[in-house]
């Protein structure tokens, strides 16, 4: 069963989706409506909402939630590496490509970031261009800047 629930946060109104005991999606409420979900708060969704609120307050360094993003093996490898970037730090697309063992895959890393179904919790906003500039965020560069500033990172 898939469940979805909405939360008002300092970064906007978001919807978090749970399926089979793991978080599978997070999106801004204005983006879309969850498909095939029961709109009900579960214990896991409540915990995800609590951790998101703590993150927004600057009191959470790392999310501790079961995640099950849907994607290719390459995408999942990229998303795993993103979860290893500490709060307040950034990495380049090239660094992530190297970390997944494919140094020439910078564009593929960018596509994996764009297709990240659980932004913020899987911190794709922490990936920047090799020149230190903010590039390529599906939710807009202003939101990327806001998230990095919230974390105390250099927002270009």
Protein backbone atom coordinates (compact mmCIF):
# COMPACT_ATOMS: atom_id res chain seq x y z
CA UNK A 1 0.00 0.00 0.00
CA UNK A 2 1.20 3.52 -0.82
CA UNK A 3 0.54 6.35 1.60
CA UNK A 4 1.08 10.06 1.12
CA UNK A 5 0.86 12.98 3.50
CA UNK A 6 1.54 16.69 3.24
CA UNK A 7 3.63 18.85 5.56
CA UNK A 8 4.11 22.60 5.81
CA UNK A 9 7.82 23.29 6.17
CA UNK A 10 10.21 26.23 6.08
CA UNK A 11 11.16 25.14 2.55
CA UNK A 12 7.56 24.95 1.34
CA UNK A 13 4.58 22.63 1.42
CA UNK A 14 5.76 19.11 0.61
CA UNK A 15 4.18 15.71 0.15
CA UNK A 16 6.04 12.62 1.31
CA UNK A 17 5.15 9.16 -0.03
CA UNK A 18 5.71 5.83 1.72
CA UNK A 19 5.45 2.40 0.14
CA UNK A 20 6.17 -0.94 1.81
CA UNK A 21 7.72 0.68 4.88
CA UNK A 22 10.12 3.02 3.08
CA UNK A 23 10.06 6.60 1.79
CA UNK A 24 9.80 6.57 -2.02
CA UNK A 25 9.05 10.19 -2.96
CA UNK A 26 9.12 13.76 -1.73
CA UNK A 27 7.79 16.61 -3.82
CA UNK A 28 6.50 20.12 -3.44
CA UNK A 29 2.72 20.14 -3.21
CA UNK A 30 2.45 22.39 -6.26
CA UNK A 31 4.42 19.93 -8.44
CA UNK A 32 1.95 17.08 -8.74
CA UNK A 33 -0.50 14.89 -6.93
CA UNK A 34 0.57 11.44 -5.74
CA UNK A 35 -0.76 8.61 -7.89
CA UNK A 36 -2.41 5.56 -6.36
CA UNK A 37 -1.89 6.65 -2.76
CA UNK A 38 -4.03 6.67 0.32
CA UNK A 39 -3.71 10.17 1.75
CA UNK A 40 -3.05 9.32 5.39
CA UNK A 41 -0.28 9.99 7.87
CA UNK A 42 1.52 6.83 8.95
CA UNK A 43 4.10 6.45 11.70
CA UNK A 44 6.91 6.53 9.13
CA UNK A 45 5.52 9.59 7.36
CA UNK A 46 5.14 11.35 10.73
CA UNK A 47 8.80 10.56 11.49
CA UNK A 48 9.87 11.81 8.04
CA UNK A 49 7.91 15.03 8.63
CA UNK A 50 9.52 15.40 12.07
CA UNK A 51 13.01 14.92 10.67
CA UNK A 52 12.29 17.36 7.84
CA UNK A 53 11.20 19.98 10.38
CA UNK A 54 14.39 19.41 12.40
CA UNK A 55 16.43 19.70 9.19
CA UNK A 56 14.78 23.03 8.41
CA UNK A 57 15.58 24.25 11.93
CA UNK A 58 19.24 23.32 11.44
CA UNK A 59 19.03 20.66 14.15
CA UNK A 60 19.38 17.56 11.95
CA UNK A 61 22.68 16.74 10.27
CA UNK A 62 21.59 13.57 8.50
CA UNK A 63 18.24 11.93 7.81
CA UNK A 64 17.73 8.49 9.30
CA UNK A 65 14.86 6.99 7.35
CA UNK A 66 14.36 3.84 5.29
CA UNK A 67 14.51 4.95 1.66
CA UNK A 68 13.50 3.07 -1.46
CA UNK A 69 13.82 5.37 -4.47
CA UNK A 70 12.83 3.83 -7.77
CA UNK A 71 15.47 4.08 -10.49
CA UNK A 72 18.21 2.33 -12.41
CA UNK A 73 21.19 0.74 -10.67
CA UNK A 74 23.35 3.69 -11.77
CA UNK A 75 20.84 6.21 -10.40
CA UNK A 76 20.67 4.34 -7.10
CA UNK A 77 24.48 4.34 -6.87
CA UNK A 78 24.51 8.11 -7.44
CA UNK A 79 21.76 8.68 -4.87
CA UNK A 80 23.68 6.60 -2.33
CA UNK A 81 26.77 8.78 -2.86
CA UNK A 82 24.65 11.91 -2.44
CA UNK A 83 23.52 10.66 0.97
CA UNK A 84 27.19 10.52 1.97
CA UNK A 85 27.76 14.25 1.39
CA UNK A 86 27.70 15.89 4.85
CA UNK A 87 25.30 18.73 5.57
CA UNK A 88 26.92 22.05 4.74
CA UNK A 89 29.25 20.57 2.11
CA UNK A 90 29.00 20.26 -1.65
CA UNK A 91 30.49 18.03 -4.34
CA UNK A 92 30.80 18.52 -8.08
CA UNK A 93 29.10 16.32 -10.65
CA UNK A 94 32.60 15.12 -11.60
CA UNK A 95 33.38 14.13 -7.99
CA UNK A 96 30.17 12.11 -7.80
CA UNK A 97 30.91 10.46 -11.17
CA UNK A 98 34.35 9.49 -9.87
CA UNK A 99 32.86 8.24 -6.59
CA UNK A 100 30.56 5.84 -8.46
CA UNK A 101 33.50 4.56 -10.50
CA UNK A 102 32.62 6.24 -13.79
CA UNK A 103 34.65 9.48 -14.12
CA UNK A 104 33.22 10.30 -17.55
CA UNK A 105 29.60 10.13 -16.41
CA UNK A 106 29.10 13.76 -15.30
CA UNK A 107 26.01 14.20 -17.50
CA UNK A 108 24.56 10.90 -16.30
CA UNK A 109 25.07 12.08 -12.72
CA UNK A 110 23.19 15.25 -13.63
CA UNK A 111 20.32 13.19 -15.05
CA UNK A 112 20.27 11.01 -11.93
CA UNK A 113 20.05 14.17 -9.82
CA UNK A 114 17.21 15.52 -11.94
CA UNK A 115 15.33 12.22 -11.52
CA UNK A 116 15.91 11.99 -7.76
CA UNK A 117 12.45 11.11 -6.39
CA UNK A 118 13.33 12.08 -2.79
CA UNK A 119 15.01 15.52 -2.97
CA UNK A 120 16.28 17.11 0.24
CA UNK A 121 16.35 13.74 2.04
CA UNK A 122 18.58 12.48 -0.78
CA UNK A 123 20.52 15.76 -1.02
CA UNK A 124 20.92 16.32 -4.75
CA UNK A 125 21.02 20.07 -4.00
CA UNK A 126 24.56 19.53 -2.64
CA UNK A 127 25.91 18.83 -6.12
CA UNK A 128 27.32 21.86 -7.95
CA UNK A 129 29.33 22.61 -11.06
CA UNK A 130 33.10 22.05 -11.09
CA UNK A 131 33.55 25.82 -11.10
CA UNK A 132 31.59 26.13 -7.84
CA UNK A 133 28.49 27.58 -9.49
CA UNK A 134 24.96 26.42 -8.83
CA UNK A 135 23.66 24.46 -11.79
CA UNK A 136 21.00 21.91 -12.62
CA UNK A 137 18.38 21.66 -9.91
CA UNK A 138 14.97 20.31 -10.96
CA UNK A 139 13.23 22.45 -8.33
CA UNK A 140 14.93 25.66 -9.48
CA UNK A 141 18.23 27.30 -8.63
CA UNK A 142 16.63 29.62 -6.07
CA UNK A 143 15.43 26.59 -4.08
CA UNK A 144 18.88 25.04 -4.40
CA UNK A 145 20.44 28.25 -3.08
CA UNK A 146 17.94 28.35 -0.20
CA UNK A 147 18.68 24.75 0.81
CA UNK A 148 22.45 25.27 0.71
CA UNK A 149 22.18 28.50 2.70
CA UNK A 150 19.94 26.73 5.22
CA UNK A 151 22.74 24.18 5.65
CA UNK A 152 25.45 26.82 5.93
CA UNK A 153 27.12 25.84 2.65
CA UNK A 154 28.59 28.25 0.14
CA UNK A 155 25.70 28.89 -2.23
CA UNK A 156 27.81 30.25 -5.09
